[in-house]
């Protein structure tokens, strides 16, 4: 099975976070292609990554790319970068922000900064007995 790839660019605006979630939901094949819980985790993680791109990057847009293969989904959220790099931190009890990367780490199999580009990636895996549709 070949790797299926998709990509899209969104304006760096708050409304784009919901648009990114809807786009990812639309491009992921239904079970048996991608299990429902995996798709839900991917949408949650992209929501957090897109929110970070809108809130912390300095550019006018962000790019989302997916690579889907048997038992594996990789999502990249590339932005223009900002004054800091994405680092997992412990948010204070009264802080409004600071939990997005912790959610990504909790709901994905791996994640990290993109190499050579600003932004992050995350990966989700599941038993590859399912065909990607």
Protein backbone atom coordinates (compact mmCIF):
# COMPACT_ATOMS: atom_id res chain seq x y z
CA UNK A 1 0.00 0.00 0.00
CA UNK A 2 1.33 3.40 -0.96
CA UNK A 3 1.51 6.29 1.44
CA UNK A 4 -1.43 8.70 0.98
CA UNK A 5 -0.46 12.35 1.37
CA UNK A 6 -2.61 15.47 1.72
CA UNK A 7 -1.77 19.09 2.43
CA UNK A 8 -3.55 22.38 2.92
CA UNK A 9 -2.75 25.97 3.94
CA UNK A 10 -4.84 28.01 6.36
CA UNK A 11 -4.70 31.69 7.34
CA UNK A 12 -3.27 32.18 10.82
CA UNK A 13 -6.65 33.19 12.27
CA UNK A 14 -8.62 31.68 15.17
CA UNK A 15 -11.39 30.43 12.85
CA UNK A 16 -8.81 28.35 10.99
CA UNK A 17 -8.42 25.99 13.95
CA UNK A 18 -11.96 24.65 13.43
CA UNK A 19 -11.38 24.57 9.67
CA UNK A 20 -8.22 22.50 10.20
CA UNK A 21 -10.14 20.03 12.38
CA UNK A 22 -12.88 19.71 9.75
CA UNK A 23 -10.31 19.26 6.96
CA UNK A 24 -8.51 16.46 8.81
CA UNK A 25 -11.80 14.73 9.61
CA UNK A 26 -12.71 14.86 5.91
CA UNK A 27 -9.40 13.48 4.59
CA UNK A 28 -9.11 10.56 7.03
CA UNK A 29 -10.79 7.40 5.76
CA UNK A 30 -13.43 5.85 8.01
CA UNK A 31 -12.80 2.49 9.69
CA UNK A 32 -11.33 0.14 8.75
CA UNK A 33 -8.97 2.75 7.24
CA UNK A 34 -8.32 4.74 10.42
CA UNK A 35 -9.88 3.59 13.71
CA UNK A 36 -12.36 6.07 15.23
CA UNK A 37 -10.30 6.60 18.41
CA UNK A 38 -7.16 7.25 16.36
CA UNK A 39 -8.98 9.76 14.16
CA UNK A 40 -10.38 11.53 17.23
CA UNK A 41 -6.91 11.73 18.81
CA UNK A 42 -5.48 13.11 15.55
CA UNK A 43 -8.17 15.80 15.33
CA UNK A 44 -7.58 16.81 18.97
CA UNK A 45 -3.81 16.96 18.48
CA UNK A 46 -4.15 19.01 15.27
CA UNK A 47 -6.49 21.40 17.06
CA UNK A 48 -3.78 22.05 19.66
CA UNK A 49 -1.01 22.35 17.05
CA UNK A 50 -3.08 24.74 14.92
CA UNK A 51 -3.95 26.83 17.98
CA UNK A 52 -0.25 27.13 18.77
CA UNK A 53 0.47 28.15 15.16
CA UNK A 54 -2.18 30.88 15.35
CA UNK A 55 -1.23 32.12 18.84
CA UNK A 56 2.55 31.90 18.85
CA UNK A 57 3.88 32.04 15.27
CA UNK A 58 4.58 35.29 13.49
CA UNK A 59 3.34 34.41 10.01
CA UNK A 60 0.10 34.98 8.15
CA UNK A 61 -0.58 31.28 7.53
CA UNK A 62 0.16 27.73 8.59
CA UNK A 63 0.40 24.50 6.61
CA UNK A 64 -0.93 21.06 7.53
CA UNK A 65 0.37 17.89 5.88
CA UNK A 66 -0.69 14.30 6.42
CA UNK A 67 1.03 11.06 5.51
CA UNK A 68 -1.18 8.00 5.92
CA UNK A 69 0.04 4.44 5.52
CA UNK A 70 -0.93 1.03 6.81
CA UNK A 71 -1.24 1.41 10.58
CA UNK A 72 0.31 4.87 10.71
CA UNK A 73 -0.63 8.55 10.43
CA UNK A 74 1.83 11.44 10.57
CA UNK A 75 0.52 15.02 10.73
CA UNK A 76 2.73 18.10 10.37
CA UNK A 77 1.70 21.61 11.31
CA UNK A 78 4.26 24.05 9.89
CA UNK A 79 4.13 27.74 10.68
CA UNK A 80 6.39 30.78 10.30
CA UNK A 81 7.98 30.32 13.69
CA UNK A 82 8.02 32.69 16.59
CA UNK A 83 10.20 33.87 19.44
CA UNK A 84 10.20 30.43 21.12
CA UNK A 85 10.42 26.79 20.09
CA UNK A 86 7.78 24.23 21.05
CA UNK A 87 8.70 22.74 24.43
CA UNK A 88 6.62 20.56 26.67
CA UNK A 89 6.15 22.30 30.01
CA UNK A 90 4.05 21.94 33.10
CA UNK A 91 1.31 24.58 33.20
CA UNK A 92 0.39 26.17 36.49
CA UNK A 93 -3.01 25.40 37.99
CA UNK A 94 -4.32 28.91 37.30
CA UNK A 95 -2.73 29.37 33.86
CA UNK A 96 -5.07 29.55 30.87
CA UNK A 97 -2.55 28.16 28.41
CA UNK A 98 0.41 25.85 28.33
CA UNK A 99 -1.39 22.51 28.05
CA UNK A 100 -1.55 22.00 24.28
CA UNK A 101 1.74 20.17 23.85
CA UNK A 102 0.96 18.04 26.91
CA UNK A 103 -2.29 16.98 25.25
CA UNK A 104 -0.46 16.19 22.01
CA UNK A 105 2.09 14.12 23.94
CA UNK A 106 -0.65 12.28 25.84
CA UNK A 107 -2.82 11.39 22.84
CA UNK A 108 -0.19 10.56 20.20
CA UNK A 109 2.49 7.90 19.91
CA UNK A 110 5.25 10.41 19.16
CA UNK A 111 5.63 14.12 18.49
CA UNK A 112 8.32 16.77 18.22
CA UNK A 113 9.54 19.83 16.37
CA UNK A 114 9.89 19.63 12.61
CA UNK A 115 13.49 19.26 11.49
CA UNK A 116 14.77 22.32 9.65
CA UNK A 117 11.38 24.06 9.66
CA UNK A 118 9.26 25.75 12.32
CA UNK A 119 6.29 23.78 13.59
CA UNK A 120 5.61 20.34 14.97
CA UNK A 121 4.67 16.85 13.86
CA UNK A 122 2.85 14.05 15.61
CA UNK A 123 2.36 10.41 14.77
CA UNK A 124 -0.32 7.87 15.64
CA UNK A 125 -0.02 4.13 15.07
CA UNK A 126 -2.52 1.27 15.22
CA UNK A 127 -2.44 -2.43 14.31
CA UNK A 128 -1.83 -2.49 10.57
CA UNK A 129 -4.27 -5.29 9.83
CA UNK A 130 -6.69 -2.56 8.75
CA UNK A 131 -6.53 -1.38 5.16
CA UNK A 132 -6.30 2.34 4.53
CA UNK A 133 -9.31 3.37 2.43
